[in-house]
Amino acid sequence: MAEPVALDAVRRALTAVMEPELHRDIISLNMVRDLRAEDGVVSLRLVLTTPACPLKDRIEGDIRSALEGKVPGVAAVRVSWDSDVTSARGLPGRQEVPGVRNTVAVSAGKGGVGKTTVSVNVAVALAQSGAHVGLLDADIYGPNVPIMMGISEQPRAGASGKMLPLSACGVEVVSFGTILKPGQPVVWRGPLLAKAVREFLYEVEWGLLDYLIIDLPPGTGDIQLSLAQSIPLSGAVVVTTPQDVSIADVSRGIEMFTQLRLPVLGIVENMSGFICAHCGERTDVFGSGGGRQLAERYGLPLLGEVPLDPRVRTGGGDGQPLMAAAPASPAGLVFRGVAERIAAEISKRNFAATEGPEMPAGPRIAVRP
């Protein structure tokens, strides 16, 4: 007969298991649920702060190391996973979007760097992890999200009279591109742009979302300012390519978010080299290392370096994002890593905000020559 397992001893042993991102033990963080033992097998449910946690294997390994062969009677450990996504704590005076826990703005200093490609694939990757995800196409002058997501229908109103998002690849999508007629231009000034963004935020039945990804227009204009002053953004993700001209424009975008006291979660370098599918040789078409240098200059995380992949272009045109068509491709694996790191950065910031005074957006950053 197996030696009985004392659950108190199991809990004491688990206090040595640290959550790697939050730097606290999983017992004090109340992450361990449904703890039980039967015939030498300890079962528990671990509740993460995001289903996109990149460190599940590490945490499970630490749990097994702490219990198996260490606590009397424990012969095996079974871990099941759950998540309870934390909510952002924004600056005072911002109006929360009902049902939305975290909002992430994806920005670029200039057009043509793949900002929408990053927005779409990060949103799909988060949804594939099990999170509830929305995607707001706030690039009103060039709304390309419907093309990339394969959406052709128009939205309709729900029972409350608010717009219902359209669904694709497990993501709830709202875009001005689904309202415009084909080829119809948008000739609006700032106040109308700000009004449109607010309606997309507050006159839409988003439902319960863990993450709302917002694809911003390029540059530092009215929509960015209106958004930053309206909602409690969890943070911004800045997209660049390796070239010097893109990096210079991105610097201005980072400065804008800093002045608005909004945290920058990190930098994504897109079009980061081309890897030949036949010989495996890498060619740096647009140079290399620009995103890493920019991240080091500003003390920001480099969230990922996305290689060039023809499937990004063909899939986007066919309405099949890379994360839906080829999630195991080299670029797909990078997008998944980017999504996981964004979720981890948000979890860390939300946790720090609940542990003490509201986190400042960081000191004023000076641009280095």
Protein backbone atom coordinates (compact mmCIF):
# COMPACT_ATOMS: atom_id res chain seq x y z
CA MET A 1 0.00 0.00 0.00
CA ALA A 2 1.36 3.41 -0.99
CA GLU A 3 2.46 5.73 1.79
CA PRO A 4 -0.17 8.44 2.34
CA VAL A 5 0.78 11.91 1.10
CA ALA A 6 0.43 14.88 3.44
CA LEU A 7 -1.00 17.80 1.43
CA ASP A 8 0.48 20.27 3.90
CA ALA A 9 3.92 18.90 3.05
CA VAL A 10 3.13 19.23 -0.65
CA ARG A 11 2.14 22.88 -0.21
CA ARG A 12 5.32 23.61 1.75
CA ALA A 13 7.41 22.03 -1.00
CA LEU A 14 5.62 24.05 -3.67
CA THR A 15 6.60 27.30 -1.98
CA ALA A 16 10.03 26.68 -3.53
CA VAL A 17 8.56 26.78 -7.05
CA MET A 18 8.77 30.29 -8.43
CA GLU A 19 6.71 31.85 -11.19
CA PRO A 20 9.62 32.91 -13.43
CA GLU A 21 8.08 36.15 -14.69
CA LEU A 22 6.55 37.38 -11.41
CA HIS A 23 9.38 36.15 -9.14
CA ARG A 24 7.01 34.87 -6.46
CA ASP A 25 6.20 31.32 -5.44
CA ILE A 26 3.12 29.67 -6.90
CA ILE A 27 1.53 29.10 -3.47
CA SER A 28 1.61 32.74 -2.36
CA LEU A 29 0.34 33.73 -5.82
CA ASN A 30 -2.64 31.39 -5.29
CA MET A 31 -1.91 29.64 -8.57
CA VAL A 32 -2.32 26.12 -7.19
CA ARG A 33 -5.91 24.85 -7.18
CA ASP A 34 -7.69 21.49 -6.70
CA LEU A 35 -4.71 19.95 -4.95
CA ARG A 36 -5.23 16.30 -4.07
CA ALA A 37 -3.32 13.05 -3.66
CA GLU A 38 -4.35 9.47 -4.37
CA ASP A 39 -2.23 6.33 -4.42
CA GLY A 40 0.99 8.33 -4.49
CA VAL A 41 -0.14 10.58 -7.36
CA VAL A 42 -0.42 14.30 -6.64
CA SER A 43 -2.80 16.18 -8.95
CA LEU A 44 -3.15 19.93 -9.16
CA ARG A 45 -4.55 22.62 -11.43
CA LEU A 46 -2.20 25.53 -12.05
CA VAL A 47 -3.91 28.82 -12.87
CA LEU A 48 -1.67 31.05 -15.01
CA THR A 49 -2.00 34.79 -15.58
CA THR A 50 -2.24 34.11 -19.33
CA PRO A 51 -2.92 31.01 -21.42
CA ALA A 52 -0.05 32.17 -23.66
CA CYS A 53 2.53 31.62 -20.93
CA PRO A 54 5.84 30.73 -22.62
CA LEU A 55 7.25 29.00 -19.53
CA LYS A 56 4.77 26.19 -18.86
CA ASP A 57 7.34 23.45 -19.35
CA ARG A 58 9.78 25.13 -16.98
CA ILE A 59 7.13 25.57 -14.28
CA GLU A 60 5.93 21.97 -14.60
CA GLY A 61 9.51 20.71 -14.43
CA ASP A 62 10.11 22.73 -11.25
CA ILE A 63 6.92 21.31 -9.70
CA ARG A 64 8.01 17.75 -10.43
CA SER A 65 11.49 18.41 -9.08
CA ALA A 66 10.03 19.83 -5.86
CA LEU A 67 7.67 16.90 -5.23
CA GLU A 68 8.79 13.65 -6.86
CA GLY A 69 11.21 11.87 -4.58
CA LYS A 70 11.26 14.85 -2.20
CA VAL A 71 7.88 14.68 -0.42
CA PRO A 72 7.21 11.33 1.32
CA GLY A 73 4.74 9.19 -0.60
CA VAL A 74 4.77 11.21 -3.84
CA ALA A 75 5.47 8.88 -6.77
CA ALA A 76 4.10 10.99 -9.62
CA VAL A 77 2.66 14.41 -10.35
CA ARG A 78 -0.12 15.41 -12.74
CA VAL A 79 -0.49 19.07 -13.67
CA SER A 80 -3.46 20.52 -15.53
CA TRP A 81 -3.52 24.07 -16.79
CA ASP A 82 -5.97 26.92 -16.50
CA SER A 83 -5.71 30.69 -16.76
CA ASP A 84 -7.21 33.83 -15.29
CA VAL A 85 -5.95 36.77 -17.35
CA THR A 86 -5.23 39.85 -15.27
CA SER A 87 -6.60 43.29 -16.15
CA ALA A 88 -4.69 46.45 -16.93
CA ARG A 89 -4.63 49.36 -14.52
CA GLY A 90 -4.50 52.45 -16.67
CA LEU A 91 -3.94 56.11 -16.05
CA PRO A 92 -6.70 58.07 -14.29
CA GLY A 93 -9.42 59.53 -16.49
CA ARG A 94 -9.42 56.71 -19.06
CA GLN A 95 -12.70 54.97 -19.84
CA GLU A 96 -12.51 51.20 -19.82
CA VAL A 97 -13.88 49.27 -22.78
CA PRO A 98 -16.63 47.07 -21.29
CA GLY A 99 -15.55 43.44 -21.03
CA VAL A 100 -12.00 44.04 -22.25
CA ARG A 101 -9.21 43.18 -19.82
CA ASN A 102 -6.17 44.36 -21.78
CA THR A 103 -5.66 46.54 -24.84
CA VAL A 104 -2.47 46.45 -26.91
CA ALA A 105 -1.71 49.08 -29.57
CA VAL A 106 0.50 47.91 -32.45
CA SER A 107 2.33 50.88 -33.91
CA ALA A 108 4.89 51.74 -36.59
CA GLY A 109 6.69 54.96 -37.36
CA LYS A 110 6.12 54.53 -41.10
CA GLY A 111 4.00 52.52 -43.49
CA GLY A 112 5.07 49.36 -45.25
CA VAL A 113 6.88 47.68 -42.36
CA GLY A 114 4.28 44.96 -41.79
CA LYS A 115 2.45 46.44 -38.80
CA THR A 116 -0.90 44.93 -39.81
CA THR A 117 0.77 41.58 -40.52
CA VAL A 118 2.14 41.59 -36.96
CA SER A 119 -1.22 42.67 -35.50
CA VAL A 120 -3.15 39.95 -37.31
CA ASN A 121 -0.75 37.11 -36.59
CA VAL A 122 -0.24 38.06 -32.94
CA ALA A 123 -4.02 38.17 -32.47
CA VAL A 124 -4.42 34.72 -34.07
CA ALA A 125 -1.53 33.30 -32.03
CA LEU A 126 -3.08 34.55 -28.78
CA ALA A 127 -6.43 33.04 -29.77
CA GLN A 128 -4.73 29.72 -30.55
CA SER A 129 -3.28 29.72 -27.03
CA GLY A 130 -6.81 29.74 -25.63
CA ALA A 131 -7.25 33.46 -24.96
CA HIS A 132 -10.33 35.44 -25.94
CA VAL A 133 -9.04 37.98 -28.45
CA GLY A 134 -10.39 40.94 -30.39
CA LEU A 135 -8.74 42.85 -33.23
CA LEU A 136 -9.61 46.48 -33.91
CA ASP A 137 -8.45 47.88 -37.24
CA ALA A 138 -7.91 51.55 -36.33
CA ASP A 139 -6.01 52.28 -39.55
CA ILE A 140 -9.00 54.11 -40.97
CA TYR A 141 -7.20 55.45 -44.05
CA GLY A 142 -5.87 52.01 -45.01
CA PRO A 143 -7.96 49.27 -43.34
CA ASN A 144 -6.34 46.05 -44.56
CA VAL A 145 -7.32 43.70 -41.74
CA PRO A 146 -10.44 42.36 -43.53
CA ILE A 147 -8.31 41.33 -46.54
CA MET A 148 -5.75 39.55 -44.37
CA MET A 149 -8.43 37.84 -42.27
CA GLY A 150 -10.61 36.81 -45.22
CA ILE A 151 -13.61 38.87 -44.13
CA SER A 152 -15.97 40.12 -46.80
CA GLU A 153 -19.33 40.47 -45.04
CA GLN A 154 -20.58 43.60 -43.31
CA PRO A 155 -21.21 43.76 -39.56
CA ARG A 156 -24.72 43.85 -38.14
CA ALA A 157 -26.27 45.25 -35.01
CA GLY A 158 -26.92 43.18 -31.92
CA ALA A 159 -29.91 43.23 -29.60
CA SER A 160 -28.54 46.28 -27.81
CA GLY A 161 -28.18 48.20 -31.07
CA LYS A 162 -24.39 48.06 -30.89
CA MET A 163 -22.26 46.60 -33.67
CA LEU A 164 -21.38 42.91 -33.48
CA PRO A 165 -17.79 42.03 -34.38
CA LEU A 166 -17.13 39.66 -37.25
CA SER A 167 -15.28 36.46 -36.40
CA ALA A 168 -12.31 34.92 -38.21
CA CYS A 169 -9.58 32.50 -37.06
CA GLY A 170 -11.02 32.59 -33.55
CA VAL A 171 -10.64 36.40 -33.34
CA GLU A 172 -13.40 39.02 -33.01
CA VAL A 173 -12.72 41.65 -35.68
CA VAL A 174 -13.94 45.21 -36.22
CA SER A 175 -12.66 47.26 -39.15
CA PHE A 176 -13.74 50.32 -41.06
CA GLY A 177 -12.88 48.29 -44.15
CA THR A 178 -16.01 46.18 -43.67
CA ILE A 179 -18.19 49.31 -43.79
CA LEU A 180 -16.65 51.18 -46.73
CA LYS A 181 -17.58 50.43 -50.30
CA PRO A 182 -14.71 49.03 -52.40
CA GLY A 183 -12.37 51.85 -53.39
CA GLN A 184 -14.18 54.42 -51.27
CA PRO A 185 -11.68 56.91 -49.79
CA VAL A 186 -11.84 58.34 -46.27
CA VAL A 187 -11.42 62.12 -46.36
CA TRP A 188 -11.74 63.09 -42.72
CA ARG A 189 -10.13 65.52 -40.34
CA GLY A 190 -9.03 64.81 -36.79
CA PRO A 191 -12.34 65.17 -34.90
CA LEU A 192 -14.11 62.69 -37.18
CA LEU A 193 -11.23 60.22 -36.84
CA ALA A 194 -11.37 60.45 -33.06
CA LYS A 195 -15.16 59.96 -33.12
CA ALA A 196 -14.83 56.88 -35.33
CA VAL A 197 -12.25 55.31 -33.01
CA ARG A 198 -14.43 55.91 -29.94
CA GLU A 199 -17.40 54.31 -31.67
CA PHE A 200 -15.33 51.26 -32.56
CA LEU A 201 -14.33 50.98 -28.91
CA TYR A 202 -17.55 51.75 -27.07
CA GLU A 203 -20.34 51.09 -29.59
CA VAL A 204 -19.31 47.49 -30.27
CA GLU A 205 -20.43 44.41 -28.36
CA TRP A 206 -16.93 43.02 -27.84
CA GLY A 207 -18.03 40.54 -25.21
CA LEU A 208 -15.45 39.30 -22.71
CA LEU A 209 -11.93 39.67 -24.13
CA ASP A 210 -8.59 38.89 -22.53
CA TYR A 211 -6.77 40.96 -25.17
CA LEU A 212 -7.89 43.59 -27.67
CA ILE A 213 -5.19 44.13 -30.29
CA ILE A 214 -5.44 47.55 -31.94
CA ASP A 215 -3.79 48.02 -35.34
CA LEU A 216 -2.87 51.70 -35.46
CA PRO A 217 -2.21 53.75 -38.59
CA PRO A 218 1.46 54.54 -39.22
CA GLY A 219 3.03 57.64 -37.74
CA THR A 220 2.13 59.77 -34.72
CA GLY A 221 -1.18 61.42 -35.55
CA ASP A 222 -4.70 62.09 -34.32
CA ILE A 223 -5.79 58.48 -33.90
CA GLN A 224 -2.80 57.58 -31.72
CA LEU A 225 -3.38 60.62 -29.53
CA SER A 226 -7.13 60.02 -29.26
CA LEU A 227 -6.63 56.38 -28.36
CA ALA A 228 -3.98 57.10 -25.75
CA GLN A 229 -6.22 59.67 -24.08
CA SER A 230 -9.36 57.53 -24.20
CA ILE A 231 -8.69 54.04 -22.89
CA PRO A 232 -6.41 52.37 -20.32
CA LEU A 233 -3.92 50.89 -22.76
CA SER A 234 -1.90 47.99 -21.39
CA GLY A 235 0.93 49.06 -23.64
CA ALA A 236 2.21 49.50 -27.16
CA VAL A 237 4.17 47.19 -29.44
CA VAL A 238 6.38 48.94 -31.98
CA VAL A 239 7.14 47.33 -35.35
CA THR A 240 10.22 48.15 -37.39
CA THR A 241 12.31 46.75 -40.20
CA PRO A 242 16.12 46.60 -40.09
CA GLN A 243 16.73 49.67 -42.31
CA ASP A 244 18.00 52.92 -40.82
CA VAL A 245 15.06 54.96 -42.16
CA SER A 246 12.52 52.74 -40.41
CA ILE A 247 14.50 52.82 -37.17
CA ALA A 248 14.61 56.64 -37.21
CA ASP A 249 10.82 56.80 -37.60
CA VAL A 250 10.27 54.20 -34.87
CA SER A 251 12.31 56.32 -32.46
CA ARG A 252 9.78 59.12 -32.85
CA GLY A 253 6.96 56.68 -32.13
CA ILE A 254 8.62 55.50 -28.93
CA GLU A 255 9.10 59.09 -27.86
CA MET A 256 5.41 59.77 -28.46
CA PHE A 257 4.30 56.89 -26.22
CA THR A 258 6.77 57.97 -23.54
CA GLN A 259 5.42 61.53 -23.56
CA LEU A 260 1.88 60.13 -23.25
CA ARG A 261 3.01 58.00 -20.27
CA LEU A 262 2.16 54.76 -22.03
CA PRO A 263 4.42 51.73 -21.60
CA VAL A 264 6.10 50.25 -24.64
CA LEU A 265 5.97 46.47 -24.22
CA GLY A 266 8.70 45.84 -26.76
CA ILE A 267 9.89 45.95 -30.35
CA VAL A 268 9.25 43.55 -33.21
CA GLU A 269 11.69 43.52 -36.12
CA ASN A 270 9.81 42.42 -39.24
CA MET A 271 11.34 41.32 -42.57
CA SER A 272 14.38 40.21 -40.61
CA GLY A 273 16.27 38.33 -43.29
CA PHE A 274 15.20 35.68 -45.79
CA ILE A 275 15.92 32.00 -45.18
CA CYS A 276 16.09 29.92 -48.36
CA ALA A 277 13.70 26.96 -48.17
CA HIS A 278 16.06 24.86 -50.31
CA CYS A 279 19.54 25.46 -48.91
CA GLY A 280 18.76 27.12 -45.56
CA GLU A 281 21.06 30.06 -46.27
CA ARG A 282 20.05 33.39 -44.71
CA THR A 283 20.12 36.60 -46.73
CA ASP A 284 19.70 39.92 -44.95
CA VAL A 285 17.70 41.69 -47.66
CA PHE A 286 17.13 44.84 -45.59
CA GLY A 287 20.19 44.63 -43.37
CA SER A 288 20.17 43.14 -39.88
CA GLY A 289 20.17 43.95 -36.18
CA GLY A 290 18.30 47.26 -36.36
CA GLY A 291 15.50 46.15 -34.06
CA ARG A 292 17.95 44.75 -31.52
CA GLN A 293 19.99 47.96 -31.54
CA LEU A 294 16.84 50.02 -31.06
CA ALA A 295 15.69 47.81 -28.17
CA GLU A 296 19.08 48.16 -26.48
CA ARG A 297 19.09 51.94 -26.98
CA TYR A 298 15.75 52.35 -25.22
CA GLY A 299 16.08 49.50 -22.73
CA LEU A 300 13.10 47.66 -24.22
CA PRO A 301 12.52 43.95 -24.85
CA LEU A 302 13.10 42.68 -28.37
CA LEU A 303 9.94 40.62 -28.76
CA GLY A 304 11.01 38.84 -31.93
CA GLU A 305 12.71 39.00 -35.32
CA VAL A 306 10.26 37.82 -37.98
CA PRO A 307 11.95 36.46 -41.13
CA LEU A 308 10.65 37.12 -44.62
CA ASP A 309 8.31 34.35 -45.76
CA PRO A 310 6.39 34.33 -49.07
CA ARG A 311 3.47 32.69 -47.27
CA VAL A 312 2.92 35.92 -45.34
CA ARG A 313 2.16 37.71 -48.62
CA THR A 314 0.16 34.90 -50.27
CA GLY A 315 -1.74 34.05 -47.09
CA GLY A 316 -2.57 37.68 -46.40
CA GLY A 317 -3.93 38.11 -49.91
CA ASP A 318 -5.95 34.88 -49.67
CA GLY A 319 -7.40 35.72 -46.28
CA GLN A 320 -5.30 33.10 -44.49
CA PRO A 321 -2.91 34.63 -41.93
CA LEU A 322 0.36 32.77 -41.58
CA MET A 323 -0.57 31.67 -38.05
CA ALA A 324 -3.64 29.95 -39.49
CA ALA A 325 -2.02 28.55 -42.64
CA ALA A 326 1.47 27.60 -41.42
CA PRO A 327 1.81 28.05 -37.64
CA ALA A 328 4.81 25.68 -37.48
CA SER A 329 6.81 27.61 -40.11
CA PRO A 330 9.89 29.56 -38.96
CA ALA A 331 7.98 32.85 -39.15
CA GLY A 332 4.96 31.26 -37.45
CA LEU A 333 7.06 30.11 -34.51
CA VAL A 334 8.45 33.63 -34.16
CA PHE A 335 4.95 35.12 -34.17
CA ARG A 336 3.92 32.66 -31.46
CA GLY A 337 6.93 33.71 -29.40
CA VAL A 338 6.06 37.39 -29.91
CA ALA A 339 2.51 36.76 -28.71
CA GLU A 340 3.77 34.89 -25.64
CA ARG A 341 6.23 37.65 -24.74
CA ILE A 342 3.55 40.34 -25.11
CA ALA A 343 1.26 38.37 -22.80
CA ALA A 344 4.10 37.90 -20.32
CA GLU A 345 4.97 41.62 -20.31
CA ILE A 346 1.32 42.50 -19.68
CA SER A 347 1.08 39.98 -16.83
CA LYS A 348 4.20 41.40 -15.18
CA ARG A 349 2.92 44.96 -15.41
CA ASN A 350 -0.56 44.09 -14.16
CA PHE A 351 0.92 42.15 -11.25
CA ALA A 352 3.25 45.00 -10.31
CA ALA A 353 0.34 47.44 -10.43
CA THR A 354 -1.68 45.36 -7.96
CA GLU A 355 1.28 44.90 -5.62
CA GLY A 356 1.74 48.59 -4.91
CA PRO A 357 1.29 52.10 -6.28
CA GLU A 358 0.43 52.44 -9.93
CA MET A 359 3.40 51.73 -12.16
CA PRO A 360 4.70 54.81 -13.93
CA ALA A 361 5.22 54.53 -17.65
CA GLY A 362 8.95 54.99 -17.04
CA PRO A 363 11.33 57.89 -17.05
CA ARG A 364 11.60 60.29 -19.92
CA ILE A 365 13.78 58.64 -22.52
CA ALA A 366 16.37 60.73 -24.31
CA VAL A 367 17.15 59.85 -27.90
CA ARG A 368 20.80 59.02 -28.37
CA PRO A 369 22.45 60.34 -31.50
